[in-house]
């Protein structure tokens, strides 16, 4: 299920917020330059664990794990 942060960034027009995980987790790495001048170059690496998620009939690729809340059904004894 998409959490509140995921819903803010949802790229579908529909309001489906529960999907099926369609891939193994994989890591996405981006390098961002934090410097303000060419003389002082500082880079930061950003990492996100991502999944491909099926929302209805639409496949969303690289959905960050931080945007997801797992739904766990516990069986009562």
PDB file of N, CA and C in Angstrom:
ATOM      1  N   UNK A   1       0.853  -1.174   0.000  1.00  0.00           N
ATOM      2  CA  UNK A   1       0.000   0.000   0.000  1.00  0.00           C
ATOM      3  C   UNK A   1       0.896   1.234   0.000  1.00  0.00           C
ATOM      4  N   UNK A   2       0.532   2.244  -0.782  1.00  0.00           N
ATOM      5  CA  UNK A   2       1.283   3.491  -0.756  1.00  0.00           C
ATOM      6  C   UNK A   2       1.015   4.217   0.556  1.00  0.00           C
ATOM      7  N   UNK A   3       2.065   4.704   1.193  1.00  0.00           N
ATOM      8  CA  UNK A   3       1.871   5.518   2.387  1.00  0.00           C
ATOM      9  C   UNK A   3       1.595   6.958   1.957  1.00  0.00           C
ATOM     10  N   UNK A   4       1.449   7.876   2.910  1.00  0.00           N
ATOM     11  CA  UNK A   4       1.098   9.260   2.579  1.00  0.00           C
ATOM     12  C   UNK A   4       2.121   9.908   1.653  1.00  0.00           C
ATOM     13  N   UNK A   5       3.409   9.625   1.850  1.00  0.00           N
ATOM     14  CA  UNK A   5       4.439  10.202   1.003  1.00  0.00           C
ATOM     15  C   UNK A   5       4.344   9.645  -0.415  1.00  0.00           C
ATOM     16  N   UNK A   6       4.053   8.349  -0.551  1.00  0.00           N
ATOM     17  CA  UNK A   6       3.905   7.740  -1.864  1.00  0.00           C
ATOM     18  C   UNK A   6       2.728   8.288  -2.632  1.00  0.00           C
ATOM     19  N   UNK A   7       1.638   8.563  -1.939  1.00  0.00           N
ATOM     20  CA  UNK A   7       0.444   9.096  -2.603  1.00  0.00           C
ATOM     21  C   UNK A   7       0.732  10.492  -3.149  1.00  0.00           C
ATOM     22  N   UNK A   8       1.560  11.269  -2.451  1.00  0.00           N
ATOM     23  CA  UNK A   8       1.925  12.603  -2.945  1.00  0.00           C
ATOM     24  C   UNK A   8       2.655  12.522  -4.281  1.00  0.00           C
ATOM     25  N   UNK A   9       3.443  11.461  -4.468  1.00  0.00           N
ATOM     26  CA  UNK A   9       4.244  11.316  -5.672  1.00  0.00           C
ATOM     27  C   UNK A   9       3.668  10.302  -6.648  1.00  0.00           C
ATOM     28  N   UNK A  10       2.445   9.842  -6.420  1.00  0.00           N
ATOM     29  CA  UNK A  10       1.824   8.834  -7.280  1.00  0.00           C
ATOM     30  C   UNK A  10       1.711   9.380  -8.697  1.00  0.00           C
ATOM     31  N   UNK A  11       2.129   8.571  -9.666  1.00  0.00           N
ATOM     32  CA  UNK A  11       2.140   9.059 -11.039  1.00  0.00           C
ATOM     33  C   UNK A  11       0.969   8.531 -11.858  1.00  0.00           C
ATOM     34  N   UNK A  12       0.032   7.881 -11.221  1.00  0.00           N
ATOM     35  CA  UNK A  12      -1.161   7.423 -11.938  1.00  0.00           C
ATOM     36  C   UNK A  12      -2.296   8.400 -11.688  1.00  0.00           C
ATOM     37  N   UNK A  13      -3.241   8.439 -12.604  1.00  0.00           N
ATOM     38  CA  UNK A  13      -4.386   9.335 -12.457  1.00  0.00           C
ATOM     39  C   UNK A  13      -5.456   8.741 -11.557  1.00  0.00           C
ATOM     40  N   UNK A  14      -5.414   7.411 -11.399  1.00  0.00           N
ATOM     41  CA  UNK A  14      -6.422   6.754 -10.579  1.00  0.00           C
ATOM     42  C   UNK A  14      -6.046   6.826  -9.113  1.00  0.00           C
ATOM     43  N   UNK A  15      -6.967   6.489  -8.252  1.00  0.00           N
ATOM     44  CA  UNK A  15      -6.749   6.533  -6.814  1.00  0.00           C
ATOM     45  C   UNK A  15      -6.431   5.167  -6.237  1.00  0.00           C
ATOM     46  N   UNK A  16      -5.927   4.239  -7.058  1.00  0.00           N
ATOM     47  CA  UNK A  16      -5.543   2.917  -6.567  1.00  0.00           C
ATOM     48  C   UNK A  16      -4.274   3.084  -5.749  1.00  0.00           C
ATOM     49  N   UNK A  17      -4.315   2.695  -4.476  1.00  0.00           N
ATOM     50  CA  UNK A  17      -3.119   2.829  -3.650  1.00  0.00           C
ATOM     51  C   UNK A  17      -2.639   1.492  -3.104  1.00  0.00           C
ATOM     52  N   UNK A  18      -3.255   0.400  -3.567  1.00  0.00           N
ATOM     53  CA  UNK A  18      -2.804  -0.931  -3.178  1.00  0.00           C
ATOM     54  C   UNK A  18      -2.361  -1.645  -4.449  1.00  0.00           C
ATOM     55  N   UNK A  19      -1.143  -2.188  -4.415  1.00  0.00           N
ATOM     56  CA  UNK A  19      -0.601  -2.840  -5.595  1.00  0.00           C
ATOM     57  C   UNK A  19       0.033  -4.173  -5.247  1.00  0.00           C
ATOM     58  N   UNK A  20       0.516  -4.838  -6.272  1.00  0.00           N
ATOM     59  CA  UNK A  20       1.192  -6.125  -6.133  1.00  0.00           C
ATOM     60  C   UNK A  20       2.649  -5.927  -6.508  1.00  0.00           C
ATOM     61  N   UNK A  21       3.557  -6.376  -5.645  1.00  0.00           N
ATOM     62  CA  UNK A  21       4.985  -6.273  -5.932  1.00  0.00           C
ATOM     63  C   UNK A  21       5.295  -7.226  -7.082  1.00  0.00           C
ATOM     64  N   UNK A  22       5.862  -6.684  -8.169  1.00  0.00           N
ATOM     65  CA  UNK A  22       6.084  -7.469  -9.380  1.00  0.00           C
ATOM     66  C   UNK A  22       7.561  -7.726  -9.652  1.00  0.00           C
ATOM     67  N   UNK A  23       8.440  -7.420  -8.700  1.00  0.00           N
ATOM     68  CA  UNK A  23       9.870  -7.645  -8.918  1.00  0.00           C
ATOM     69  C   UNK A  23      10.557  -7.902  -7.585  1.00  0.00           C
ATOM     70  N   UNK A  24      11.763  -8.427  -7.676  1.00  0.00           N
ATOM     71  CA  UNK A  24      12.626  -8.509  -6.499  1.00  0.00           C
ATOM     72  C   UNK A  24      13.093  -7.086  -6.175  1.00  0.00           C
ATOM     73  N   UNK A  25      13.500  -6.820  -4.929  1.00  0.00           N
ATOM     74  CA  UNK A  25      14.035  -5.490  -4.633  1.00  0.00           C
ATOM     75  C   UNK A  25      15.343  -5.267  -5.383  1.00  0.00           C
ATOM     76  N   UNK A  26      15.543  -4.047  -5.842  1.00  0.00           N
ATOM     77  CA  UNK A  26      16.809  -3.680  -6.473  1.00  0.00           C
ATOM     78  C   UNK A  26      17.175  -2.281  -6.016  1.00  0.00           C
ATOM     79  N   UNK A  27      18.466  -1.967  -6.122  1.00  0.00           N
ATOM     80  CA  UNK A  27      18.943  -0.697  -5.593  1.00  0.00           C
ATOM     81  C   UNK A  27      19.126   0.301  -6.735  1.00  0.00           C
ATOM     82  N   UNK A  28      18.709   1.529  -6.471  1.00  0.00           N
ATOM     83  CA  UNK A  28      18.900   2.630  -7.408  1.00  0.00           C
ATOM     84  C   UNK A  28      19.865   3.605  -6.744  1.00  0.00           C
ATOM     85  N   UNK A  29      20.934   3.944  -7.448  1.00  0.00           N
ATOM     86  CA  UNK A  29      21.938   4.854  -6.903  1.00  0.00           C
ATOM     87  C   UNK A  29      22.034   6.064  -7.816  1.00  0.00           C
ATOM     88  N   UNK A  30      21.979   7.252  -7.227  1.00  0.00           N
ATOM     89  CA  UNK A  30      22.148   8.495  -7.972  1.00  0.00           C
ATOM     90  C   UNK A  30      23.239   9.310  -7.304  1.00  0.00           C
ATOM     91  N   UNK A  31      24.045   9.983  -8.096  1.00  0.00           N
ATOM     92  CA  UNK A  31      25.094  10.847  -7.558  1.00  0.00           C
ATOM     93  C   UNK A  31      24.665  12.292  -7.767  1.00  0.00           C
ATOM     94  N   UNK A  32      24.702  13.067  -6.690  1.00  0.00           N
ATOM     95  CA  UNK A  32      24.280  14.458  -6.726  1.00  0.00           C
ATOM     96  C   UNK A  32      25.458  15.328  -6.341  1.00  0.00           C
ATOM     97  N   UNK A  33      25.677  16.387  -7.106  1.00  0.00           N
ATOM     98  CA  UNK A  33      26.755  17.322  -6.793  1.00  0.00           C
ATOM     99  C   UNK A  33      26.236  18.354  -5.809  1.00  0.00           C
ATOM    100  N   UNK A  34      26.945  18.504  -4.675  1.00  0.00           N
ATOM    101  CA  UNK A  34      26.525  19.454  -3.643  1.00  0.00           C
ATOM    102  C   UNK A  34      27.318  20.750  -3.685  1.00  0.00           C
ATOM    103  N   UNK A  35      28.279  20.868  -4.566  1.00  0.00           N
ATOM    104  CA  UNK A  35      29.166  22.037  -4.551  1.00  0.00           C
ATOM    105  C   UNK A  35      28.510  23.233  -5.212  1.00  0.00           C
ATOM    106  N   UNK A  36      29.025  24.392  -4.874  1.00  0.00           N
ATOM    107  CA  UNK A  36      28.538  25.640  -5.469  1.00  0.00           C
ATOM    108  C   UNK A  36      29.560  26.227  -6.435  1.00  0.00           C
ATOM    109  N   UNK A  37      30.765  25.653  -6.477  1.00  0.00           N
ATOM    110  CA  UNK A  37      31.788  26.140  -7.405  1.00  0.00           C
ATOM    111  C   UNK A  37      32.572  24.956  -7.955  1.00  0.00           C
ATOM    112  N   UNK A  38      33.270  25.171  -9.058  1.00  0.00           N
ATOM    113  CA  UNK A  38      34.065  24.112  -9.661  1.00  0.00           C
ATOM    114  C   UNK A  38      35.298  23.762  -8.829  1.00  0.00           C
ATOM    115  N   UNK A  39      35.768  24.710  -8.018  1.00  0.00           N
ATOM    116  CA  UNK A  39      36.949  24.468  -7.193  1.00  0.00           C
ATOM    117  C   UNK A  39      36.644  23.544  -6.006  1.00  0.00           C
ATOM    118  N   UNK A  40      35.440  23.594  -5.519  1.00  0.00           N
ATOM    119  CA  UNK A  40      35.053  22.803  -4.347  1.00  0.00           C
ATOM    120  C   UNK A  40      33.974  21.804  -4.771  1.00  0.00           C
ATOM    121  N   UNK A  41      34.408  20.687  -5.313  1.00  0.00           N
ATOM    122  CA  UNK A  41      33.464  19.694  -5.813  1.00  0.00           C
ATOM    123  C   UNK A  41      33.187  18.662  -4.718  1.00  0.00           C
ATOM    124  N   UNK A  42      31.918  18.529  -4.360  1.00  0.00           N
ATOM    125  CA  UNK A  42      31.507  17.544  -3.360  1.00  0.00           C
ATOM    126  C   UNK A  42      30.314  16.773  -3.916  1.00  0.00           C
ATOM    127  N   UNK A  43      30.415  15.457  -3.852  1.00  0.00           N
ATOM    128  CA  UNK A  43      29.346  14.609  -4.369  1.00  0.00           C
ATOM    129  C   UNK A  43      28.710  13.816  -3.237  1.00  0.00           C
ATOM    130  N   UNK A  44      27.441  13.529  -3.400  1.00  0.00           N
ATOM    131  CA  UNK A  44      26.729  12.708  -2.444  1.00  0.00           C
ATOM    132  C   UNK A  44      26.010  11.612  -3.222  1.00  0.00           C
ATOM    133  N   UNK A  45      26.117  10.378  -2.746  1.00  0.00           N
ATOM    134  CA  UNK A  45      25.407   9.280  -3.380  1.00  0.00           C
ATOM    135  C   UNK A  45      24.113   9.010  -2.648  1.00  0.00           C
ATOM    136  N   UNK A  46      23.030   8.942  -3.392  1.00  0.00           N
ATOM    137  CA  UNK A  46      21.718   8.636  -2.829  1.00  0.00           C
ATOM    138  C   UNK A  46      21.343   7.227  -3.247  1.00  0.00           C
ATOM    139  N   UNK A  47      20.924   6.422  -2.292  1.00  0.00           N
ATOM    140  CA  UNK A  47      20.523   5.045  -2.567  1.00  0.00           C
ATOM    141  C   UNK A  47      19.077   4.825  -2.146  1.00  0.00           C
ATOM    142  N   UNK A  48      18.352   4.133  -2.984  1.00  0.00           N
ATOM    143  CA  UNK A  48      16.978   3.738  -2.658  1.00  0.00           C
ATOM    144  C   UNK A  48      16.785   2.290  -3.077  1.00  0.00           C
ATOM    145  N   UNK A  49      16.198   1.486  -2.208  1.00  0.00           N
ATOM    146  CA  UNK A  49      15.739   0.160  -2.598  1.00  0.00           C
ATOM    147  C   UNK A  49      14.408   0.362  -3.283  1.00  0.00           C
ATOM    148  N   UNK A  50      14.247  -0.218  -4.454  1.00  0.00           N
ATOM    149  CA  UNK A  50      13.052  -0.011  -5.265  1.00  0.00           C
ATOM    150  C   UNK A  50      12.396  -1.333  -5.637  1.00  0.00           C
ATOM    151  N   UNK A  51      11.135  -1.246  -6.009  1.00  0.00           N
ATOM    152  CA  UNK A  51      10.351  -2.372  -6.511  1.00  0.00           C
ATOM    153  C   UNK A  51       9.578  -1.911  -7.737  1.00  0.00           C
ATOM    154  N   UNK A  52       9.231  -2.842  -8.600  1.00  0.00           N
ATOM    155  CA  UNK A  52       8.249  -2.598  -9.650  1.00  0.00           C
ATOM    156  C   UNK A  52       6.911  -3.057  -9.078  1.00  0.00           C
ATOM    157  N   UNK A  53       5.893  -2.201  -9.168  1.00  0.00           N
ATOM    158  CA  UNK A  53       4.603  -2.458  -8.536  1.00  0.00           C
ATOM    159  C   UNK A  53       3.493  -2.390  -9.588  1.00  0.00           C
ATOM    160  N   UNK A  54       2.576  -3.370  -9.539  1.00  0.00           N
ATOM    161  CA  UNK A  54       1.387  -3.339 -10.393  1.00  0.00           C
ATOM    162  C   UNK A  54       0.249  -2.672  -9.624  1.00  0.00           C
ATOM    163  N   UNK A  55      -0.244  -1.551 -10.143  1.00  0.00           N
ATOM    164  CA  UNK A  55      -1.433  -0.883  -9.616  1.00  0.00           C
ATOM    165  C   UNK A  55      -2.524  -1.070 -10.657  1.00  0.00           C
ATOM    166  N   UNK A  56      -3.431  -2.000 -10.389  1.00  0.00           N
ATOM    167  CA  UNK A  56      -4.453  -2.327 -11.385  1.00  0.00           C
ATOM    168  C   UNK A  56      -3.787  -2.960 -12.592  1.00  0.00           C
ATOM    169  N   UNK A  57      -3.916  -2.331 -13.761  1.00  0.00           N
ATOM    170  CA  UNK A  57      -3.279  -2.852 -14.969  1.00  0.00           C
ATOM    171  C   UNK A  57      -2.043  -2.034 -15.367  1.00  0.00           C
ATOM    172  N   UNK A  58      -1.545  -1.192 -14.462  1.00  0.00           N
ATOM    173  CA  UNK A  58      -0.406  -0.328 -14.765  1.00  0.00           C
ATOM    174  C   UNK A  58       0.815  -0.727 -13.944  1.00  0.00           C
ATOM    175  N   UNK A  59       1.964  -0.904 -14.602  1.00  0.00           N
ATOM    176  CA  UNK A  59       3.213  -1.242 -13.936  1.00  0.00           C
ATOM    177  C   UNK A  59       4.000   0.029 -13.671  1.00  0.00           C
ATOM    178  N   UNK A  60       4.282   0.288 -12.400  1.00  0.00           N
ATOM    179  CA  UNK A  60       5.096   1.436 -12.009  1.00  0.00           C
ATOM    180  C   UNK A  60       6.479   0.903 -11.663  1.00  0.00           C
ATOM    181  N   UNK A  61       7.498   1.393 -12.355  1.00  0.00           N
ATOM    182  CA  UNK A  61       8.859   0.920 -12.130  1.00  0.00           C
ATOM    183  C   UNK A  61       9.577   1.834 -11.145  1.00  0.00           C
ATOM    184  N   UNK A  62      10.493   1.246 -10.410  1.00  0.00           N
ATOM    185  CA  UNK A  62      11.371   1.952  -9.467  1.00  0.00           C
ATOM    186  C   UNK A  62      10.604   2.713  -8.376  1.00  0.00           C
ATOM    187  N   UNK A  63       9.603   2.077  -7.790  1.00  0.00           N
ATOM    188  CA  UNK A  63       8.887   2.687  -6.664  1.00  0.00           C
ATOM    189  C   UNK A  63       9.764   2.529  -5.429  1.00  0.00           C
ATOM    190  N   UNK A  64      10.213   3.631  -4.804  1.00  0.00           N
ATOM    191  CA  UNK A  64      11.081   3.521  -3.629  1.00  0.00           C
ATOM    192  C   UNK A  64      10.388   2.801  -2.469  1.00  0.00           C
ATOM    193  N   UNK A  65      11.173   1.996  -1.766  1.00  0.00           N
ATOM    194  CA  UNK A  65      10.661   1.250  -0.620  1.00  0.00           C
ATOM    195  C   UNK A  65      10.082   2.183   0.444  1.00  0.00           C
ATOM    196  N   UNK A  66      10.649   3.394   0.563  1.00  0.00           N
ATOM    197  CA  UNK A  66      10.162   4.358   1.558  1.00  0.00           C
ATOM    198  C   UNK A  66       8.726   4.790   1.298  1.00  0.00           C
ATOM    199  N   UNK A  67       8.221   4.593   0.080  1.00  0.00           N
ATOM    200  CA  UNK A  67       6.863   4.993  -0.267  1.00  0.00           C
ATOM    201  C   UNK A  67       5.848   3.897   0.030  1.00  0.00           C
ATOM    202  N   UNK A  68       6.319   2.720   0.479  1.00  0.00           N
ATOM    203  CA  UNK A  68       5.444   1.558   0.625  1.00  0.00           C
ATOM    204  C   UNK A  68       5.258   1.152   2.079  1.00  0.00           C
ATOM    205  N   UNK A  69       4.063   0.729   2.395  1.00  0.00           N
ATOM    206  CA  UNK A  69       3.754   0.064   3.667  1.00  0.00           C
ATOM    207  C   UNK A  69       3.236  -1.318   3.314  1.00  0.00           C
ATOM    208  N   UNK A  70       3.858  -2.345   3.881  1.00  0.00           N
ATOM    209  CA  UNK A  70       3.404  -3.705   3.609  1.00  0.00           C
ATOM    210  C   UNK A  70       2.128  -3.991   4.379  1.00  0.00           C
ATOM    211  N   UNK A  71       1.216  -4.686   3.743  1.00  0.00           N
ATOM    212  CA  UNK A  71      -0.010  -5.134   4.407  1.00  0.00           C
ATOM    213  C   UNK A  71       0.222  -6.578   4.825  1.00  0.00           C
ATOM    214  N   UNK A  72       0.154  -6.830   6.100  1.00  0.00           N
ATOM    215  CA  UNK A  72       0.375  -8.170   6.624  1.00  0.00           C
ATOM    216  C   UNK A  72      -0.919  -8.647   7.262  1.00  0.00           C
ATOM    217  N   UNK A  73      -1.424  -9.761   6.785  1.00  0.00           N
ATOM    218  CA  UNK A  73      -2.647 -10.340   7.357  1.00  0.00           C
ATOM    219  C   UNK A  73      -2.229 -11.411   8.344  1.00  0.00           C
ATOM    220  N   UNK A  74      -2.603 -11.233   9.611  1.00  0.00           N
ATOM    221  CA  UNK A  74      -2.280 -12.200  10.624  1.00  0.00           C
ATOM    222  C   UNK A  74      -3.491 -13.072  10.877  1.00  0.00           C
ATOM    223  N   UNK A  75      -3.266 -14.350  10.780  1.00  0.00           N
ATOM    224  CA  UNK A  75      -4.367 -15.290  11.024  1.00  0.00           C
ATOM    225  C   UNK A  75      -4.554 -15.475  12.529  1.00  0.00           C
ATOM    226  N   UNK A  76      -5.807 -15.417  12.945  1.00  0.00           N
ATOM    227  CA  UNK A  76      -6.106 -15.611  14.359  1.00  0.00           C
ATOM    228  C   UNK A  76      -6.174 -17.101  14.659  1.00  0.00           C
ATOM    229  N   UNK A  77      -5.752 -17.466  15.868  1.00  0.00           N
ATOM    230  CA  UNK A  77      -5.760 -18.877  16.256  1.00  0.00           C
ATOM    231  C   UNK A  77      -7.143 -19.322  16.700  1.00  0.00           C
TER     232      UNK A  77
END
